[in-house]
Amino acid sequence: RPADEADPVRPDGPYAHGVAASEARIRSRHPRAL
């Protein structure tokens, strides 16, 4: 089904893992980031 914001990320492949890691880093450093 379509993923929504509450769904945990499940990256597949090097690029997707890099994006997910970036998201996690952003949220840890700036929790109010959009």
PDB file of all heavy atoms in Angstrom:
ATOM      1  N   ARG A   1       0.868  -1.187   0.000  1.00  0.00           N
ATOM      2  CA  ARG A   1       0.000   0.000   0.000  1.00  0.00           C
ATOM      3  C   ARG A   1       0.893   1.221   0.000  1.00  0.00           C
ATOM      4  O   ARG A   1       2.104   1.128   0.269  1.00  0.00           O
ATOM      5  CB  ARG A   1      -0.888   0.009   1.245  1.00  0.00           C
ATOM      6  CG  ARG A   1      -0.103  -0.023   2.547  1.00  0.00           C
ATOM      7  CD  ARG A   1      -0.947   0.293   3.768  1.00  0.00           C
ATOM      8  NE  ARG A   1      -0.219   0.139   5.016  1.00  0.00           N
ATOM      9  CZ  ARG A   1       0.627   1.033   5.513  1.00  0.00           C
ATOM     10  NH1 ARG A   1       0.865   2.159   4.849  1.00  0.00           N
ATOM     11  NH2 ARG A   1       1.243   0.812   6.666  1.00  0.00           N
ATOM     12  N   PRO A   2       0.340   2.411  -0.271  1.00  0.00           N
ATOM     13  CA  PRO A   2       1.157   3.626  -0.178  1.00  0.00           C
ATOM     14  C   PRO A   2       1.664   3.851   1.239  1.00  0.00           C
ATOM     15  O   PRO A   2       0.938   3.646   2.216  1.00  0.00           O
ATOM     16  CB  PRO A   2       0.190   4.740  -0.612  1.00  0.00           C
ATOM     17  CG  PRO A   2      -0.827   4.047  -1.462  1.00  0.00           C
ATOM     18  CD  PRO A   2      -0.997   2.679  -0.852  1.00  0.00           C
ATOM     19  N   ALA A   3       2.892   4.262   1.374  1.00  0.00           N
ATOM     20  CA  ALA A   3       3.492   4.521   2.685  1.00  0.00           C
ATOM     21  C   ALA A   3       3.098   5.911   3.170  1.00  0.00           C
ATOM     22  O   ALA A   3       3.003   6.859   2.379  1.00  0.00           O
ATOM     23  CB  ALA A   3       5.010   4.416   2.601  1.00  0.00           C
ATOM     24  N   ASP A   4       2.857   6.042   4.475  1.00  0.00           N
ATOM     25  CA  ASP A   4       2.582   7.356   5.054  1.00  0.00           C
ATOM     26  C   ASP A   4       3.695   7.729   6.033  1.00  0.00           C
ATOM     27  O   ASP A   4       4.642   6.959   6.232  1.00  0.00           O
ATOM     28  CB  ASP A   4       1.203   7.405   5.722  1.00  0.00           C
ATOM     29  CG  ASP A   4       1.065   6.436   6.898  1.00  0.00           C
ATOM     30  OD1 ASP A   4       1.982   6.378   7.744  1.00  0.00           O
ATOM     31  OD2 ASP A   4       0.030   5.734   6.985  1.00  0.00           O
ATOM     32  N   GLU A   5       3.588   8.893   6.633  1.00  0.00           N
ATOM     33  CA  GLU A   5       4.661   9.415   7.465  1.00  0.00           C
ATOM     34  C   GLU A   5       4.911   8.573   8.718  1.00  0.00           C
ATOM     35  O   GLU A   5       6.019   8.600   9.276  1.00  0.00           O
ATOM     36  CB  GLU A   5       4.356  10.859   7.882  1.00  0.00           C
ATOM     37  CG  GLU A   5       4.325  11.861   6.731  1.00  0.00           C
ATOM     38  CD  GLU A   5       2.944  12.005   6.108  1.00  0.00           C
ATOM     39  OE1 GLU A   5       2.035  11.224   6.500  1.00  0.00           O
ATOM     40  OE2 GLU A   5       2.761  12.884   5.245  1.00  0.00           O
ATOM     41  N   ALA A   6       3.914   7.846   9.180  1.00  0.00           N
ATOM     42  CA  ALA A   6       4.069   7.037  10.394  1.00  0.00           C
ATOM     43  C   ALA A   6       4.781   5.714  10.133  1.00  0.00           C
ATOM     44  O   ALA A   6       5.205   5.044  11.089  1.00  0.00           O
ATOM     45  CB  ALA A   6       2.701   6.771  11.025  1.00  0.00           C
ATOM     46  N   ASP A   7       4.905   5.326   8.887  1.00  0.00           N
ATOM     47  CA  ASP A   7       5.549   4.048   8.572  1.00  0.00           C
ATOM     48  C   ASP A   7       7.061   4.157   8.772  1.00  0.00           C
ATOM     49  O   ASP A   7       7.684   5.137   8.360  1.00  0.00           O
ATOM     50  CB  ASP A   7       5.257   3.644   7.125  1.00  0.00           C
ATOM     51  CG  ASP A   7       3.817   3.218   6.926  1.00  0.00           C
ATOM     52  OD1 ASP A   7       3.314   2.443   7.749  1.00  0.00           O
ATOM     53  OD2 ASP A   7       3.195   3.661   5.942  1.00  0.00           O
ATOM     54  N   PRO A   8       7.676   3.154   9.397  1.00  0.00           N
ATOM     55  CA  PRO A   8       9.139   3.181   9.545  1.00  0.00           C
ATOM     56  C   PRO A   8       9.812   3.020   8.188  1.00  0.00           C
ATOM     57  O   PRO A   8       9.306   2.304   7.316  1.00  0.00           O
ATOM     58  CB  PRO A   8       9.426   1.978  10.454  1.00  0.00           C
ATOM     59  CG  PRO A   8       8.254   1.064  10.263  1.00  0.00           C
ATOM     60  CD  PRO A   8       7.071   1.947   9.999  1.00  0.00           C
ATOM     61  N   VAL A   9      10.931   3.697   8.018  1.00  0.00           N
ATOM     62  CA  VAL A   9      11.639   3.597   6.741  1.00  0.00           C
ATOM     63  C   VAL A   9      12.193   2.189   6.585  1.00  0.00           C
ATOM     64  O   VAL A   9      12.607   1.553   7.552  1.00  0.00           O
ATOM     65  CB  VAL A   9      12.764   4.653   6.640  1.00  0.00           C
ATOM     66  CG1 VAL A   9      12.177   6.053   6.701  1.00  0.00           C
ATOM     67  CG2 VAL A   9      13.814   4.460   7.719  1.00  0.00           C
ATOM     68  N   ARG A  10      12.193   1.738   5.337  1.00  0.00           N
ATOM     69  CA  ARG A  10      12.731   0.417   4.999  1.00  0.00           C
ATOM     70  C   ARG A  10      13.502   0.543   3.695  1.00  0.00           C
ATOM     71  O   ARG A  10      13.034   0.147   2.629  1.00  0.00           O
ATOM     72  CB  ARG A  10      11.598  -0.612   4.862  1.00  0.00           C
ATOM     73  CG  ARG A  10      10.776  -0.781   6.127  1.00  0.00           C
ATOM     74  CD  ARG A  10       9.661  -1.793   5.949  1.00  0.00           C
ATOM     75  NE  ARG A  10      10.162  -3.138   5.723  1.00  0.00           N
ATOM     76  CZ  ARG A  10       9.394  -4.223   5.637  1.00  0.00           C
ATOM     77  NH1 ARG A  10       8.082  -4.108   5.755  1.00  0.00           N
ATOM     78  NH2 ARG A  10       9.917  -5.403   5.446  1.00  0.00           N
ATOM     79  N   PRO A  11      14.704   1.127   3.766  1.00  0.00           N
ATOM     80  CA  PRO A  11      15.464   1.368   2.533  1.00  0.00           C
ATOM     81  C   PRO A  11      15.962   0.077   1.913  1.00  0.00           C
ATOM     82  O   PRO A  11      16.195  -0.916   2.606  1.00  0.00           O
ATOM     83  CB  PRO A  11      16.625   2.245   3.005  1.00  0.00           C
ATOM     84  CG  PRO A  11      16.796   1.886   4.445  1.00  0.00           C
ATOM     85  CD  PRO A  11      15.415   1.586   4.963  1.00  0.00           C
ATOM     86  N   ASP A  12      16.123   0.118   0.600  1.00  0.00           N
ATOM     87  CA  ASP A  12      16.598  -1.045  -0.149  1.00  0.00           C
ATOM     88  C   ASP A  12      17.589  -0.558  -1.191  1.00  0.00           C
ATOM     89  O   ASP A  12      17.215   0.112  -2.147  1.00  0.00           O
ATOM     90  CB  ASP A  12      15.411  -1.757  -0.809  1.00  0.00           C
ATOM     91  CG  ASP A  12      15.846  -2.968  -1.628  1.00  0.00           C
ATOM     92  OD1 ASP A  12      16.951  -3.478  -1.377  1.00  0.00           O
ATOM     93  OD2 ASP A  12      15.093  -3.378  -2.532  1.00  0.00           O
ATOM     94  N   GLY A  13      18.852  -0.866  -1.010  1.00  0.00           N
ATOM     95  CA  GLY A  13      19.878  -0.431  -1.955  1.00  0.00           C
ATOM     96  C   GLY A  13      20.738   0.684  -1.387  1.00  0.00           C
ATOM     97  O   GLY A  13      20.338   1.384  -0.455  1.00  0.00           O
ATOM     98  N   PRO A  14      21.938   0.877  -1.953  1.00  0.00           N
ATOM     99  CA  PRO A  14      22.893   1.863  -1.414  1.00  0.00           C
ATOM    100  C   PRO A  14      22.350   3.284  -1.385  1.00  0.00           C
ATOM    101  O   PRO A  14      22.520   3.997  -0.389  1.00  0.00           O
ATOM    102  CB  PRO A  14      24.089   1.749  -2.364  1.00  0.00           C
ATOM    103  CG  PRO A  14      23.974   0.387  -2.963  1.00  0.00           C
ATOM    104  CD  PRO A  14      22.514   0.098  -3.066  1.00  0.00           C
ATOM    105  N   TYR A  15      21.713   3.719  -2.479  1.00  0.00           N
ATOM    106  CA  TYR A  15      21.203   5.084  -2.500  1.00  0.00           C
ATOM    107  C   TYR A  15      20.139   5.278  -1.427  1.00  0.00           C
ATOM    108  O   TYR A  15      20.160   6.257  -0.672  1.00  0.00           O
ATOM    109  CB  TYR A  15      20.637   5.439  -3.873  1.00  0.00           C
ATOM    110  CG  TYR A  15      19.879   6.749  -3.858  1.00  0.00           C
ATOM    111  CD1 TYR A  15      20.557   7.941  -3.677  1.00  0.00           C
ATOM    112  CD2 TYR A  15      18.499   6.784  -3.982  1.00  0.00           C
ATOM    113  CE1 TYR A  15      19.877   9.144  -3.611  1.00  0.00           C
ATOM    114  CE2 TYR A  15      17.807   7.979  -3.919  1.00  0.00           C
ATOM    115  CZ  TYR A  15      18.501   9.165  -3.741  1.00  0.00           C
ATOM    116  OH  TYR A  15      17.816  10.348  -3.671  1.00  0.00           O
ATOM    117  N   ALA A  16      19.184   4.359  -1.344  1.00  0.00           N
ATOM    118  CA  ALA A  16      18.100   4.472  -0.370  1.00  0.00           C
ATOM    119  C   ALA A  16      18.634   4.466   1.057  1.00  0.00           C
ATOM    120  O   ALA A  16      18.159   5.225   1.918  1.00  0.00           O
ATOM    121  CB  ALA A  16      17.103   3.337  -0.564  1.00  0.00           C
ATOM    122  N   HIS A  17      19.632   3.643   1.336  1.00  0.00           N
ATOM    123  CA  HIS A  17      20.223   3.614   2.675  1.00  0.00           C
ATOM    124  C   HIS A  17      20.904   4.947   2.992  1.00  0.00           C
ATOM    125  O   HIS A  17      20.852   5.421   4.140  1.00  0.00           O
ATOM    126  CB  HIS A  17      21.221   2.462   2.799  1.00  0.00           C
ATOM    127  CG  HIS A  17      20.577   1.137   3.103  1.00  0.00           C
ATOM    128  ND1 HIS A  17      20.222   0.758   4.378  1.00  0.00           N
ATOM    129  CD2 HIS A  17      20.213   0.109   2.285  1.00  0.00           C
ATOM    130  CE1 HIS A  17      19.666  -0.452   4.348  1.00  0.00           C
ATOM    131  NE2 HIS A  17      19.649  -0.863   3.087  1.00  0.00           N
ATOM    132  N   GLY A  18      21.539   5.558   1.979  1.00  0.00           N
ATOM    133  CA  GLY A  18      22.160   6.853   2.193  1.00  0.00           C
ATOM    134  C   GLY A  18      21.138   7.931   2.529  1.00  0.00           C
ATOM    135  O   GLY A  18      21.364   8.777   3.405  1.00  0.00           O
ATOM    136  N   VAL A  19      20.001   7.902   1.842  1.00  0.00           N
ATOM    137  CA  VAL A  19      18.943   8.885   2.102  1.00  0.00           C
ATOM    138  C   VAL A  19      18.361   8.680   3.499  1.00  0.00           C
ATOM    139  O   VAL A  19      18.131   9.639   4.239  1.00  0.00           O
ATOM    140  CB  VAL A  19      17.840   8.790   1.033  1.00  0.00           C
ATOM    141  CG1 VAL A  19      16.688   9.735   1.371  1.00  0.00           C
ATOM    142  CG2 VAL A  19      18.395   9.121  -0.342  1.00  0.00           C
ATOM    143  N   ALA A  20      18.102   7.427   3.862  1.00  0.00           N
ATOM    144  CA  ALA A  20      17.551   7.138   5.186  1.00  0.00           C
ATOM    145  C   ALA A  20      18.532   7.559   6.282  1.00  0.00           C
ATOM    146  O   ALA A  20      18.119   8.096   7.326  1.00  0.00           O
ATOM    147  CB  ALA A  20      17.224   5.651   5.303  1.00  0.00           C
ATOM    148  N   ALA A  21      19.818   7.334   6.055  1.00  0.00           N
ATOM    149  CA  ALA A  21      20.820   7.756   7.035  1.00  0.00           C
ATOM    150  C   ALA A  21      20.848   9.274   7.162  1.00  0.00           C
ATOM    151  O   ALA A  21      21.017   9.813   8.267  1.00  0.00           O
ATOM    152  CB  ALA A  21      22.197   7.233   6.635  1.00  0.00           C
ATOM    153  N   SER A  22      20.679   9.968   6.053  1.00  0.00           N
ATOM    154  CA  SER A  22      20.638  11.434   6.083  1.00  0.00           C
ATOM    155  C   SER A  22      19.441  11.923   6.887  1.00  0.00           C
ATOM    156  O   SER A  22      19.567  12.851   7.694  1.00  0.00           O
ATOM    157  CB  SER A  22      20.579  11.997   4.664  1.00  0.00           C
ATOM    158  OG  SER A  22      21.764  11.718   3.963  1.00  0.00           O
ATOM    159  N   GLU A  23      18.287  11.308   6.653  1.00  0.00           N
ATOM    160  CA  GLU A  23      17.098  11.677   7.429  1.00  0.00           C
ATOM    161  C   GLU A  23      17.351  11.510   8.930  1.00  0.00           C
ATOM    162  O   GLU A  23      17.021  12.385   9.731  1.00  0.00           O
ATOM    163  CB  GLU A  23      15.905  10.815   7.022  1.00  0.00           C
ATOM    164  CG  GLU A  23      15.198  11.239   5.760  1.00  0.00           C
ATOM    165  CD  GLU A  23      13.811  10.602   5.653  1.00  0.00           C
ATOM    166  OE1 GLU A  23      13.326  10.057   6.663  1.00  0.00           O
ATOM    167  OE2 GLU A  23      13.228  10.657   4.563  1.00  0.00           O
ATOM    168  N   ALA A  24      17.923  10.372   9.307  1.00  0.00           N
ATOM    169  CA  ALA A  24      18.167  10.101  10.724  1.00  0.00           C
ATOM    170  C   ALA A  24      19.139  11.123  11.318  1.00  0.00           C
ATOM    171  O   ALA A  24      18.951  11.603  12.454  1.00  0.00           O
ATOM    172  CB  ALA A  24      18.720   8.687  10.895  1.00  0.00           C
ATOM    173  N   ARG A  25      20.167  11.472  10.555  1.00  0.00           N
ATOM    174  CA  ARG A  25      21.137  12.453  11.038  1.00  0.00           C
ATOM    175  C   ARG A  25      20.487  13.823  11.211  1.00  0.00           C
ATOM    176  O   ARG A  25      20.739  14.523  12.195  1.00  0.00           O
ATOM    177  CB  ARG A  25      22.309  12.532  10.057  1.00  0.00           C
ATOM    178  CG  ARG A  25      23.550  13.226  10.580  1.00  0.00           C
ATOM    179  CD  ARG A  25      24.260  12.376  11.627  1.00  0.00           C
ATOM    180  NE  ARG A  25      24.682  11.100  11.081  1.00  0.00           N
ATOM    181  CZ  ARG A  25      25.857  10.894  10.459  1.00  0.00           C
ATOM    182  NH1 ARG A  25      26.707  11.896  10.311  1.00  0.00           N
ATOM    183  NH2 ARG A  25      26.189   9.699  10.004  1.00  0.00           N
ATOM    184  N   ILE A  26      19.653  14.208  10.257  1.00  0.00           N
ATOM    185  CA  ILE A  26      18.963  15.501  10.340  1.00  0.00           C
ATOM    186  C   ILE A  26      18.067  15.554  11.570  1.00  0.00           C
ATOM    187  O   ILE A  26      18.088  16.523  12.341  1.00  0.00           O
ATOM    188  CB  ILE A  26      18.132  15.752   9.059  1.00  0.00           C
ATOM    189  CG1 ILE A  26      19.055  15.995   7.867  1.00  0.00           C
ATOM    190  CG2 ILE A  26      17.191  16.949   9.248  1.00  0.00           C
ATOM    191  CD1 ILE A  26      18.346  15.930   6.530  1.00  0.00           C
ATOM    192  N   ARG A  27      17.300  14.502  11.785  1.00  0.00           N
ATOM    193  CA  ARG A  27      16.350  14.504  12.908  1.00  0.00           C
ATOM    194  C   ARG A  27      17.076  14.489  14.252  1.00  0.00           C
ATOM    195  O   ARG A  27      16.579  15.052  15.239  1.00  0.00           O
ATOM    196  CB  ARG A  27      15.402  13.328  12.773  1.00  0.00           C
ATOM    197  CG  ARG A  27      14.525  13.410  11.530  1.00  0.00           C
ATOM    198  CD  ARG A  27      13.627  12.226  11.347  1.00  0.00           C
ATOM    199  NE  ARG A  27      12.458  12.284  12.212  1.00  0.00           N
ATOM    200  CZ  ARG A  27      11.413  11.465  12.125  1.00  0.00           C
ATOM    201  NH1 ARG A  27      11.410  10.515  11.188  1.00  0.00           N
ATOM    202  NH2 ARG A  27      10.396  11.565  12.934  1.00  0.00           N
ATOM    203  N   SER A  28      18.239  13.872  14.302  1.00  0.00           N
ATOM    204  CA  SER A  28      18.984  13.846  15.567  1.00  0.00           C
ATOM    205  C   SER A  28      19.635  15.190  15.859  1.00  0.00           C
ATOM    206  O   SER A  28      19.767  15.586  17.023  1.00  0.00           O
ATOM    207  CB  SER A  28      20.052  12.750  15.539  1.00  0.00           C
ATOM    208  OG  SER A  28      21.075  13.056  14.611  1.00  0.00           O
ATOM    209  N   ARG A  29      20.032  15.906  14.816  1.00  0.00           N
ATOM    210  CA  ARG A  29      20.706  17.193  15.012  1.00  0.00           C
ATOM    211  C   ARG A  29      19.721  18.364  15.089  1.00  0.00           C
ATOM    212  O   ARG A  29      20.028  19.391  15.687  1.00  0.00           O
ATOM    213  CB  ARG A  29      21.692  17.435  13.860  1.00  0.00           C
ATOM    214  CG  ARG A  29      22.756  16.369  13.690  1.00  0.00           C
ATOM    215  CD  ARG A  29      23.770  16.390  14.821  1.00  0.00           C
ATOM    216  NE  ARG A  29      24.756  15.348  14.705  1.00  0.00           N
ATOM    217  CZ  ARG A  29      25.865  15.425  13.960  1.00  0.00           C
ATOM    218  NH1 ARG A  29      26.104  16.518  13.251  1.00  0.00           N
ATOM    219  NH2 ARG A  29      26.712  14.429  13.916  1.00  0.00           N
ATOM    220  N   HIS A  30      18.571  18.225  14.422  1.00  0.00           N
ATOM    221  CA  HIS A  30      17.604  19.327  14.373  1.00  0.00           C
ATOM    222  C   HIS A  30      16.196  18.717  14.375  1.00  0.00           C
ATOM    223  O   HIS A  30      15.569  18.565  13.328  1.00  0.00           O
ATOM    224  CB  HIS A  30      17.822  20.153  13.105  1.00  0.00           C
ATOM    225  CG  HIS A  30      17.098  21.468  13.080  1.00  0.00           C
ATOM    226  ND1 HIS A  30      16.054  21.787  13.926  1.00  0.00           N
ATOM    227  CD2 HIS A  30      17.252  22.573  12.298  1.00  0.00           C
ATOM    228  CE1 HIS A  30      15.624  23.008  13.664  1.00  0.00           C
ATOM    229  NE2 HIS A  30      16.331  23.511  12.683  1.00  0.00           N
ATOM    230  N   PRO A  31      15.675  18.374  15.549  1.00  0.00           N
ATOM    231  CA  PRO A  31      14.373  17.701  15.628  1.00  0.00           C
ATOM    232  C   PRO A  31      13.223  18.499  15.017  1.00  0.00           C
ATOM    233  O   PRO A  31      12.191  17.919  14.675  1.00  0.00           O
ATOM    234  CB  PRO A  31      14.168  17.514  17.146  1.00  0.00           C
ATOM    235  CG  PRO A  31      15.544  17.536  17.719  1.00  0.00           C
ATOM    236  CD  PRO A  31      16.312  18.497  16.879  1.00  0.00           C
ATOM    237  N   ARG A  32      13.374  19.819  14.872  1.00  0.00           N
ATOM    238  CA  ARG A  32      12.307  20.651  14.314  1.00  0.00           C
ATOM    239  C   ARG A  32      12.441  20.819  12.804  1.00  0.00           C
ATOM    240  O   ARG A  32      11.678  21.571  12.188  1.00  0.00           O
ATOM    241  CB  ARG A  32      12.322  22.029  14.965  1.00  0.00           C
ATOM    242  CG  ARG A  32      11.965  22.041  16.438  1.00  0.00           C
ATOM    243  CD  ARG A  32      10.502  21.719  16.656  1.00  0.00           C
ATOM    244  NE  ARG A  32       9.625  22.677  15.990  1.00  0.00           N
ATOM    245  CZ  ARG A  32       8.323  22.496  15.804  1.00  0.00           C
ATOM    246  NH1 ARG A  32       7.745  21.389  16.234  1.00  0.00           N
ATOM    247  NH2 ARG A  32       7.595  23.406  15.202  1.00  0.00           N
ATOM    248  N   ALA A  33      13.367  20.104  12.171  1.00  0.00           N
ATOM    249  CA  ALA A  33      13.531  20.214  10.720  1.00  0.00           C
ATOM    250  C   ALA A  33      12.305  19.658   9.993  1.00  0.00           C
ATOM    251  O   ALA A  33      11.662  18.709  10.453  1.00  0.00           O
ATOM    252  CB  ALA A  33      14.786  19.475  10.277  1.00  0.00           C
ATOM    253  N   LEU A  34      11.988  20.255   8.852  1.00  0.00           N
ATOM    254  CA  LEU A  34      10.919  19.782   7.978  1.00  0.00           C
ATOM    255  C   LEU A  34      11.551  18.936   6.880  1.00  0.00           C
ATOM    256  O   LEU A  34      12.363  19.429   6.090  1.00  0.00           O
ATOM    257  CB  LEU A  34      10.162  20.966   7.376  1.00  0.00           C
ATOM    258  CG  LEU A  34       9.154  20.666   6.263  1.00  0.00           C
ATOM    259  CD1 LEU A  34       8.046  19.739   6.746  1.00  0.00           C
ATOM    260  CD2 LEU A  34       8.575  21.971   5.714  1.00  0.00           C
TER     261      LEU A  34
END
